[in-house]
N, C-alpha and C. Protein backbone atom coordinates (compact mmCIF):
# COMPACT_ATOMS: atom_id res chain seq x y z
N MET A 1 -8.12 -4.79 48.46
CA MET A 1 -8.73 -4.53 47.13
C MET A 1 -8.01 -5.43 46.12
N GLU A 2 -8.66 -5.92 45.09
CA GLU A 2 -8.11 -6.86 44.18
C GLU A 2 -7.09 -6.09 43.28
N LYS A 3 -6.07 -6.90 42.83
CA LYS A 3 -5.10 -6.24 41.98
C LYS A 3 -5.55 -5.91 40.69
N ASN A 4 -6.61 -6.63 40.19
CA ASN A 4 -7.16 -6.23 38.83
C ASN A 4 -8.33 -5.33 38.83
N SER A 5 -8.59 -4.72 40.06
CA SER A 5 -9.74 -3.89 40.07
C SER A 5 -9.56 -2.58 39.35
N ILE A 6 -10.76 -2.13 38.87
CA ILE A 6 -10.69 -0.90 38.12
C ILE A 6 -11.55 0.12 38.91
N SER A 7 -11.07 1.19 39.21
CA SER A 7 -11.74 2.22 40.02
C SER A 7 -13.03 2.78 39.38
N GLN A 8 -13.93 3.24 40.00
CA GLN A 8 -15.09 3.84 39.47
C GLN A 8 -14.85 5.01 38.60
N ASP A 9 -13.85 5.84 38.97
CA ASP A 9 -13.55 6.98 38.09
C ASP A 9 -12.87 6.55 36.83
N GLU A 10 -12.01 5.46 36.73
CA GLU A 10 -11.47 5.03 35.73
C GLU A 10 -12.57 4.50 34.64
N LYS A 11 -13.59 3.76 35.31
CA LYS A 11 -14.72 3.18 34.47
C LYS A 11 -15.48 4.33 33.81
N GLU A 12 -15.79 5.40 34.61
CA GLU A 12 -16.65 6.41 33.99
C GLU A 12 -15.81 7.24 32.91
N LEU A 13 -14.38 7.40 33.13
CA LEU A 13 -13.78 8.08 32.14
C LEU A 13 -13.59 7.29 30.98
N PHE A 14 -13.32 5.96 31.03
CA PHE A 14 -13.44 4.99 30.00
C PHE A 14 -14.76 5.11 29.07
N LEU A 15 -15.83 4.99 29.80
CA LEU A 15 -17.17 4.99 29.09
C LEU A 15 -17.30 6.39 28.43
N ILE A 16 -16.93 7.37 29.03
CA ILE A 16 -17.05 8.86 28.34
C ILE A 16 -16.30 8.78 27.07
N ASN A 17 -14.95 8.32 27.13
CA ASN A 17 -14.11 8.29 26.09
C ASN A 17 -14.63 7.25 24.82
N LEU A 18 -15.30 6.17 25.40
CA LEU A 18 -15.88 5.26 24.40
C LEU A 18 -17.14 5.72 23.68
N ALA A 19 -17.77 6.67 24.34
CA ALA A 19 -19.18 7.04 23.78
C ALA A 19 -19.08 7.36 22.36
N PRO A 20 -18.08 8.23 21.78
CA PRO A 20 -18.11 8.58 20.42
C PRO A 20 -18.18 7.47 19.36
N PHE A 21 -17.70 6.38 19.71
CA PHE A 21 -17.56 5.23 18.85
C PHE A 21 -18.15 3.91 19.35
N ASP A 22 -18.90 4.01 20.47
CA ASP A 22 -19.30 2.78 21.05
C ASP A 22 -20.26 2.06 20.18
N GLN A 23 -21.18 2.58 19.49
CA GLN A 23 -22.10 1.88 18.60
C GLN A 23 -21.31 1.31 17.42
N GLU A 24 -20.39 1.95 16.91
CA GLU A 24 -19.58 1.35 15.80
C GLU A 24 -18.71 0.18 16.25
N LEU A 25 -18.14 0.23 17.46
CA LEU A 25 -17.32 -0.76 18.09
C LEU A 25 -18.32 -1.99 18.38
N GLU A 26 -19.41 -1.70 18.90
CA GLU A 26 -20.48 -2.79 19.23
C GLU A 26 -20.84 -3.59 17.98
N THR A 27 -21.09 -2.80 16.94
CA THR A 27 -21.59 -3.37 15.65
C THR A 27 -20.47 -4.30 15.08
N VAL A 28 -19.32 -3.71 14.92
CA VAL A 28 -18.14 -4.48 14.35
C VAL A 28 -17.94 -5.79 15.12
N PHE A 29 -17.79 -5.63 16.58
CA PHE A 29 -17.62 -6.74 17.33
C PHE A 29 -18.70 -7.84 17.14
N CYS A 30 -20.02 -7.53 17.18
CA CYS A 30 -21.03 -8.47 17.10
C CYS A 30 -21.00 -9.07 15.72
N ASP A 31 -20.74 -8.37 14.69
CA ASP A 31 -20.71 -8.99 13.27
C ASP A 31 -19.45 -9.91 13.28
N TYR A 32 -18.35 -9.60 13.77
CA TYR A 32 -17.23 -10.46 13.72
C TYR A 32 -17.47 -11.81 14.63
N PHE A 33 -17.94 -11.58 15.84
CA PHE A 33 -18.26 -12.64 16.70
C PHE A 33 -19.31 -13.65 16.01
N ALA A 34 -20.34 -13.06 15.52
CA ALA A 34 -21.43 -13.98 14.85
C ALA A 34 -20.80 -14.62 13.63
N CYS A 35 -20.02 -13.95 12.79
CA CYS A 35 -19.60 -14.67 11.74
C CYS A 35 -18.56 -15.91 12.06
N LEU A 36 -17.76 -15.48 12.97
CA LEU A 36 -16.85 -16.44 13.38
C LEU A 36 -17.46 -17.65 14.06
N TYR A 37 -18.46 -17.41 14.94
CA TYR A 37 -19.22 -18.40 15.47
C TYR A 37 -19.96 -19.32 14.53
N THR A 38 -20.60 -18.75 13.60
CA THR A 38 -21.43 -19.49 12.63
C THR A 38 -20.49 -20.22 11.67
N ASP A 39 -19.21 -19.81 11.36
CA ASP A 39 -18.40 -20.49 10.46
C ASP A 39 -17.80 -21.71 11.39
N ASN A 40 -17.59 -21.60 12.61
CA ASN A 40 -17.02 -22.65 13.29
C ASN A 40 -18.02 -23.71 13.91
N ASP A 41 -19.33 -23.27 13.99
CA ASP A 41 -20.22 -24.10 14.42
C ASP A 41 -21.59 -24.09 13.50
N THR A 42 -21.74 -24.93 12.61
CA THR A 42 -22.82 -24.84 11.68
C THR A 42 -24.28 -24.98 12.21
N LYS A 43 -24.29 -25.63 13.42
CA LYS A 43 -25.50 -25.80 14.12
C LYS A 43 -26.21 -24.45 14.66
N ILE A 44 -25.41 -23.48 14.77
CA ILE A 44 -25.97 -22.20 15.37
C ILE A 44 -26.49 -21.29 14.22
N SER A 45 -27.47 -20.63 14.42
CA SER A 45 -28.03 -19.65 13.61
C SER A 45 -27.35 -18.32 13.74
N HIS A 46 -27.32 -17.56 12.69
CA HIS A 46 -26.74 -16.19 12.77
C HIS A 46 -27.33 -15.37 13.73
N TYR A 47 -28.72 -15.37 13.87
CA TYR A 47 -29.35 -14.62 14.84
C TYR A 47 -29.12 -14.95 16.25
N GLU A 48 -28.96 -16.25 16.51
CA GLU A 48 -28.50 -16.73 17.94
C GLU A 48 -27.20 -16.34 18.25
N ALA A 49 -26.19 -16.42 17.33
CA ALA A 49 -24.88 -16.06 17.40
C ALA A 49 -24.70 -14.55 17.77
N LYS A 50 -25.45 -13.73 17.07
CA LYS A 50 -25.49 -12.25 17.17
C LYS A 50 -26.13 -11.95 18.55
N LYS A 51 -27.07 -12.66 19.12
CA LYS A 51 -27.65 -12.45 20.36
C LYS A 51 -26.55 -12.75 21.45
N VAL A 52 -25.91 -13.74 21.35
CA VAL A 52 -24.73 -14.11 22.18
C VAL A 52 -23.70 -13.09 22.22
N ALA A 53 -23.27 -12.58 20.91
CA ALA A 53 -22.31 -11.57 20.82
C ALA A 53 -22.73 -10.33 21.52
N LEU A 54 -23.91 -9.78 21.31
CA LEU A 54 -24.42 -8.55 21.95
C LEU A 54 -24.37 -8.60 23.48
N ALA A 55 -24.91 -9.82 23.97
CA ALA A 55 -24.89 -10.02 25.53
C ALA A 55 -23.44 -10.09 25.99
N THR A 56 -22.50 -10.60 25.27
CA THR A 56 -21.26 -10.66 25.67
C THR A 56 -20.45 -9.31 25.66
N TYR A 57 -20.73 -8.53 24.57
CA TYR A 57 -20.25 -7.19 24.54
C TYR A 57 -20.78 -6.18 25.63
N ARG A 58 -22.02 -6.16 25.83
CA ARG A 58 -22.65 -5.46 26.96
C ARG A 58 -22.17 -5.83 28.26
N SER A 59 -22.04 -7.16 28.51
CA SER A 59 -21.57 -7.60 29.83
C SER A 59 -20.15 -7.24 30.17
N LEU A 60 -19.39 -7.30 29.05
CA LEU A 60 -17.97 -7.02 29.17
C LEU A 60 -17.75 -5.48 29.63
N LEU A 61 -18.58 -4.46 29.01
CA LEU A 61 -18.34 -3.14 29.27
C LEU A 61 -19.00 -2.73 30.53
N GLN A 62 -19.82 -3.58 31.05
CA GLN A 62 -20.40 -3.31 32.33
C GLN A 62 -19.53 -3.47 33.45
N CYS A 63 -18.70 -4.50 33.16
CA CYS A 63 -17.70 -4.85 34.06
C CYS A 63 -18.21 -5.16 35.59
N GLU A 64 -19.34 -5.90 35.67
CA GLU A 64 -20.03 -6.17 36.86
C GLU A 64 -19.65 -7.58 37.41
N ASN A 65 -18.73 -8.24 36.78
CA ASN A 65 -18.41 -9.60 37.14
C ASN A 65 -19.55 -10.55 36.89
N GLU A 66 -20.26 -10.43 35.81
CA GLU A 66 -21.30 -11.32 35.49
C GLU A 66 -21.17 -11.65 33.99
N VAL A 67 -21.28 -13.03 33.81
CA VAL A 67 -21.11 -13.53 32.44
C VAL A 67 -22.60 -13.76 31.95
N PRO A 68 -22.88 -13.30 30.71
CA PRO A 68 -24.31 -13.47 30.26
C PRO A 68 -24.73 -14.89 30.19
N GLN A 69 -25.90 -15.16 30.51
CA GLN A 69 -26.45 -16.54 30.63
C GLN A 69 -26.47 -17.20 29.12
N GLU A 70 -26.60 -16.39 28.16
CA GLU A 70 -26.63 -16.84 26.75
C GLU A 70 -25.34 -17.62 26.44
N LEU A 71 -24.24 -16.89 26.87
CA LEU A 71 -22.77 -17.39 26.55
C LEU A 71 -22.62 -18.65 27.46
N LEU A 72 -22.96 -18.66 28.65
CA LEU A 72 -22.81 -19.81 29.60
C LEU A 72 -23.58 -21.04 29.15
N GLU A 73 -24.80 -20.73 28.65
CA GLU A 73 -25.59 -21.93 28.22
C GLU A 73 -24.97 -22.58 26.93
N HIS A 74 -24.50 -21.72 26.06
CA HIS A 74 -23.82 -22.29 24.97
C HIS A 74 -22.51 -23.06 25.26
N LEU A 75 -21.73 -22.49 26.20
CA LEU A 75 -20.52 -23.19 26.67
C LEU A 75 -20.87 -24.53 27.33
N ARG A 76 -21.83 -24.49 28.14
CA ARG A 76 -22.27 -25.71 28.96
C ARG A 76 -22.74 -26.77 28.08
N CYS A 77 -23.10 -26.43 26.85
CA CYS A 77 -23.72 -27.45 25.94
C CYS A 77 -22.54 -28.20 25.10
N GLY A 78 -21.33 -27.78 25.51
CA GLY A 78 -20.12 -28.38 24.85
C GLY A 78 -19.73 -27.82 23.61
N ASN A 79 -20.11 -26.60 23.34
CA ASN A 79 -19.62 -25.93 22.11
C ASN A 79 -18.24 -25.51 22.27
N ARG A 80 -17.34 -26.43 22.05
CA ARG A 80 -15.79 -26.19 22.21
C ARG A 80 -15.39 -25.01 21.28
N GLU A 81 -16.03 -24.94 20.17
CA GLU A 81 -15.70 -23.85 19.06
C GLU A 81 -15.88 -22.46 19.81
N LEU A 82 -16.77 -22.34 20.73
CA LEU A 82 -17.02 -21.04 21.33
C LEU A 82 -15.92 -20.53 22.18
N TYR A 83 -15.08 -21.37 22.81
CA TYR A 83 -13.85 -20.89 23.48
C TYR A 83 -12.99 -20.12 22.46
N TYR A 84 -12.73 -20.74 21.35
CA TYR A 84 -12.01 -20.12 20.33
C TYR A 84 -12.66 -18.82 19.80
N VAL A 85 -13.94 -18.78 19.72
CA VAL A 85 -14.62 -17.54 19.15
C VAL A 85 -14.49 -16.50 20.15
N VAL A 86 -14.66 -16.78 21.42
CA VAL A 86 -14.60 -15.67 22.53
C VAL A 86 -13.17 -15.19 22.58
N ALA A 87 -12.15 -16.09 22.54
CA ALA A 87 -10.77 -15.48 22.71
C ALA A 87 -10.41 -14.66 21.42
N ARG A 88 -10.68 -15.28 20.30
CA ARG A 88 -10.42 -14.38 19.00
C ARG A 88 -11.15 -13.09 18.90
N SER A 89 -12.47 -13.12 19.35
CA SER A 89 -13.27 -11.85 19.28
C SER A 89 -12.71 -10.80 20.16
N PHE A 90 -12.20 -11.22 21.40
CA PHE A 90 -11.67 -10.20 22.32
C PHE A 90 -10.43 -9.70 21.77
N LEU A 91 -9.57 -10.46 21.09
CA LEU A 91 -8.35 -9.83 20.51
C LEU A 91 -8.78 -8.90 19.40
N PHE A 92 -9.84 -9.24 18.67
CA PHE A 92 -10.38 -8.42 17.61
C PHE A 92 -10.85 -7.11 18.10
N LEU A 93 -11.61 -7.27 19.26
CA LEU A 93 -12.23 -6.19 20.01
C LEU A 93 -11.07 -5.11 20.34
N LEU A 94 -9.91 -5.55 21.09
CA LEU A 94 -8.90 -4.85 21.44
C LEU A 94 -8.26 -4.19 20.27
N GLU A 95 -7.97 -4.82 19.14
CA GLU A 95 -7.32 -4.22 18.02
C GLU A 95 -8.30 -3.13 17.44
N LYS A 96 -9.66 -3.36 17.30
CA LYS A 96 -10.48 -2.36 16.71
C LYS A 96 -10.66 -1.25 17.72
N TYR A 97 -10.58 -1.52 19.05
CA TYR A 97 -10.73 -0.31 19.91
C TYR A 97 -9.46 0.66 19.74
N GLY A 98 -8.39 0.05 19.57
CA GLY A 98 -7.06 0.74 19.33
C GLY A 98 -7.31 1.65 18.15
N GLU A 99 -7.72 1.03 16.95
CA GLU A 99 -7.96 1.82 15.74
C GLU A 99 -8.98 2.80 15.87
N LEU A 100 -10.11 2.63 16.45
CA LEU A 100 -11.26 3.56 16.54
C LEU A 100 -10.87 4.72 17.64
N SER A 101 -10.12 4.34 18.66
CA SER A 101 -9.91 5.36 19.64
C SER A 101 -8.85 6.41 19.16
N GLU A 102 -7.90 5.87 18.35
CA GLU A 102 -6.92 6.90 17.75
C GLU A 102 -7.64 7.91 16.88
N ARG A 103 -8.80 7.56 16.27
CA ARG A 103 -9.50 8.50 15.38
C ARG A 103 -10.39 9.40 16.17
N HIS A 104 -10.97 8.89 17.30
CA HIS A 104 -12.07 9.59 18.02
C HIS A 104 -11.55 10.28 19.37
N VAL A 105 -10.53 9.77 20.01
CA VAL A 105 -10.22 10.16 21.28
C VAL A 105 -8.83 10.61 21.52
N LYS A 106 -8.57 11.59 22.28
CA LYS A 106 -7.15 12.03 22.33
C LYS A 106 -6.45 11.21 23.30
N CYS A 107 -7.02 10.54 24.26
CA CYS A 107 -6.39 9.80 25.29
C CYS A 107 -7.00 8.34 25.38
N PRO A 108 -6.67 7.43 24.48
CA PRO A 108 -7.20 6.19 24.43
C PRO A 108 -6.78 5.42 25.82
N GLN A 109 -7.66 4.56 26.24
CA GLN A 109 -7.55 3.79 27.42
C GLN A 109 -7.61 2.32 27.17
N LEU A 110 -6.56 1.86 26.35
CA LEU A 110 -6.56 0.49 26.03
C LEU A 110 -6.39 -0.48 27.32
N GLY A 111 -5.50 0.01 28.23
CA GLY A 111 -5.32 -0.74 29.41
C GLY A 111 -6.56 -0.93 30.20
N ILE A 112 -7.52 -0.11 30.26
CA ILE A 112 -8.70 -0.27 31.03
C ILE A 112 -9.60 -1.40 30.34
N LEU A 113 -9.56 -1.36 28.98
CA LEU A 113 -10.35 -2.37 28.22
C LEU A 113 -9.68 -3.82 28.39
N ILE A 114 -8.36 -3.79 28.41
CA ILE A 114 -7.68 -5.05 28.71
C ILE A 114 -8.00 -5.53 30.08
N GLY A 115 -8.10 -4.61 31.03
CA GLY A 115 -8.56 -5.08 32.37
C GLY A 115 -9.98 -5.56 32.35
N TYR A 116 -10.88 -5.04 31.62
CA TYR A 116 -12.15 -5.53 31.43
C TYR A 116 -12.18 -7.01 30.96
N VAL A 117 -11.47 -7.12 29.90
CA VAL A 117 -11.33 -8.45 29.21
C VAL A 117 -10.89 -9.49 30.30
N ASN A 118 -9.79 -9.07 31.00
CA ASN A 118 -9.16 -9.96 31.90
C ASN A 118 -10.18 -10.44 33.04
N ARG A 119 -10.94 -9.51 33.56
CA ARG A 119 -11.90 -9.79 34.59
C ARG A 119 -13.03 -10.61 33.99
N PHE A 120 -13.40 -10.30 32.73
CA PHE A 120 -14.49 -11.13 32.24
C PHE A 120 -14.12 -12.65 31.97
N ILE A 121 -12.81 -12.87 31.50
CA ILE A 121 -12.45 -14.17 31.39
C ILE A 121 -12.12 -14.84 32.77
N ASP A 122 -11.74 -14.12 33.70
CA ASP A 122 -11.64 -14.78 35.10
C ASP A 122 -13.03 -15.19 35.59
N THR A 123 -13.97 -14.24 35.36
CA THR A 123 -15.33 -14.66 35.87
C THR A 123 -15.95 -15.84 35.12
N LEU A 124 -15.77 -15.79 33.75
CA LEU A 124 -16.21 -16.79 32.87
C LEU A 124 -15.60 -18.24 33.43
N GLN A 125 -14.34 -18.28 33.53
CA GLN A 125 -13.70 -19.50 34.01
C GLN A 125 -14.36 -19.89 35.41
N SER A 126 -14.51 -19.03 36.35
CA SER A 126 -15.00 -19.50 37.62
C SER A 126 -16.45 -19.84 37.49
N ASP A 127 -17.30 -19.13 36.68
CA ASP A 127 -18.83 -19.59 36.54
C ASP A 127 -18.78 -20.93 35.88
N LEU A 128 -17.94 -21.23 34.89
CA LEU A 128 -17.95 -22.43 34.30
C LEU A 128 -17.58 -23.57 35.24
N LEU A 129 -16.51 -23.26 36.01
CA LEU A 129 -16.02 -24.34 36.92
C LEU A 129 -17.16 -24.67 38.01
N GLU A 130 -17.91 -23.53 38.56
CA GLU A 130 -18.96 -23.79 39.48
C GLU A 130 -20.08 -24.65 38.75
N SER A 131 -20.40 -24.36 37.60
CA SER A 131 -21.46 -24.95 36.95
C SER A 131 -21.22 -26.47 36.44
N THR A 132 -19.97 -26.76 36.48
CA THR A 132 -19.77 -28.19 35.98
C THR A 132 -19.36 -29.14 37.17
N THR A 133 -19.28 -28.59 38.34
CA THR A 133 -19.03 -29.49 39.49
C THR A 133 -20.30 -30.18 39.77
N CYS A 134 -20.12 -31.49 40.17
CA CYS A 134 -21.26 -32.39 40.37
C CYS A 134 -21.96 -31.97 41.74
N GLN A 135 -23.21 -31.68 41.79
CA GLN A 135 -23.84 -31.30 43.00
C GLN A 135 -25.08 -32.24 43.08
N PRO A 136 -25.49 -32.56 44.33
CA PRO A 136 -26.60 -33.51 44.37
C PRO A 136 -27.83 -32.91 43.84
N CYS A 137 -28.60 -33.72 43.33
CA CYS A 137 -29.86 -33.24 42.68
C CYS A 137 -31.10 -34.04 43.32
N ASP A 138 -32.22 -33.32 43.62
CA ASP A 138 -33.22 -33.94 44.20
C ASP A 138 -34.21 -34.66 43.10
N ALA A 139 -33.79 -34.51 41.91
CA ALA A 139 -34.59 -35.07 40.82
C ALA A 139 -34.40 -36.57 40.78
N PHE A 140 -33.35 -37.07 41.39
CA PHE A 140 -33.09 -38.54 41.40
C PHE A 140 -33.48 -39.09 42.75
N ASP A 141 -34.26 -40.17 42.73
CA ASP A 141 -34.54 -40.78 43.98
C ASP A 141 -33.47 -41.77 44.42
N THR A 142 -32.79 -41.48 45.60
CA THR A 142 -31.63 -42.34 45.94
C THR A 142 -32.09 -43.13 47.29
N GLY A 143 -33.44 -43.03 47.60
CA GLY A 143 -33.88 -43.96 48.63
C GLY A 143 -34.19 -45.20 48.14
N PHE A 144 -33.39 -46.27 48.37
CA PHE A 144 -33.60 -47.65 47.92
C PHE A 144 -34.54 -48.44 48.64
N SER A 145 -35.35 -49.27 47.99
CA SER A 145 -36.30 -50.14 48.72
C SER A 145 -35.49 -51.19 49.30
N GLN A 146 -36.11 -51.80 50.47
CA GLN A 146 -35.43 -52.95 51.05
C GLN A 146 -36.02 -54.19 50.51
N ASP A 147 -36.96 -54.10 49.56
CA ASP A 147 -37.59 -55.36 48.91
C ASP A 147 -36.35 -56.20 48.24
N SER A 148 -36.52 -57.46 48.25
CA SER A 148 -35.63 -58.30 47.67
C SER A 148 -35.86 -58.29 46.09
N ILE A 149 -34.84 -58.22 45.38
CA ILE A 149 -34.82 -58.19 43.91
C ILE A 149 -34.68 -59.54 43.30
N PHE A 150 -34.55 -60.65 44.24
CA PHE A 150 -34.40 -61.96 43.70
C PHE A 150 -35.56 -62.77 43.91
N THR A 151 -35.85 -63.68 43.00
CA THR A 151 -37.01 -64.77 43.24
C THR A 151 -36.53 -65.87 44.14
N PRO A 152 -37.41 -66.63 44.51
CA PRO A 152 -36.91 -67.84 45.37
C PRO A 152 -35.93 -68.77 44.59
N SER A 153 -35.91 -68.72 43.18
CA SER A 153 -34.97 -69.62 42.52
C SER A 153 -33.64 -68.72 42.26
N ASN A 154 -33.44 -67.69 42.94
CA ASN A 154 -32.42 -66.71 42.82
C ASN A 154 -32.15 -66.12 41.33
N THR A 155 -33.24 -65.74 40.75
CA THR A 155 -33.13 -65.13 39.45
C THR A 155 -33.54 -63.68 39.86
N LEU A 156 -33.00 -62.85 39.05
CA LEU A 156 -33.12 -61.37 39.22
C LEU A 156 -34.60 -60.93 38.58
N ILE A 157 -35.26 -60.11 39.44
CA ILE A 157 -36.55 -59.67 39.07
C ILE A 157 -36.31 -58.47 38.10
């Protein structure tokens, strides 16, 4: 078993304890993520940033080792600012979870959320590494013709 694995019982207890303030935490996280992203990358719309934020939040809490395609697409397009946005947003999420859980829950489980963030970042790194390795593509014809490319006077055709 992985050392960072979270048992099913822990996941269920975490989600039960998160339920009273999940919507508030989601809204705060998405607003923060979207504002930070649009401030750091003026090419992105607020709507698109919010869509990436929502997909990231939901994927994080599902903890199924899947990074949302919206986030991967933006990262693959070279949005270096997004690395900062993701890291800072996760720190903000941990801080807000701590604040909200103190008000709503008797037994906050910050350690589980930290485990979720850790697994999400590990999965994100491996997905990005896999997507950036050079793989052969059938779109390019690599079968070269045996025809001569030189004219009888040795000029290039």
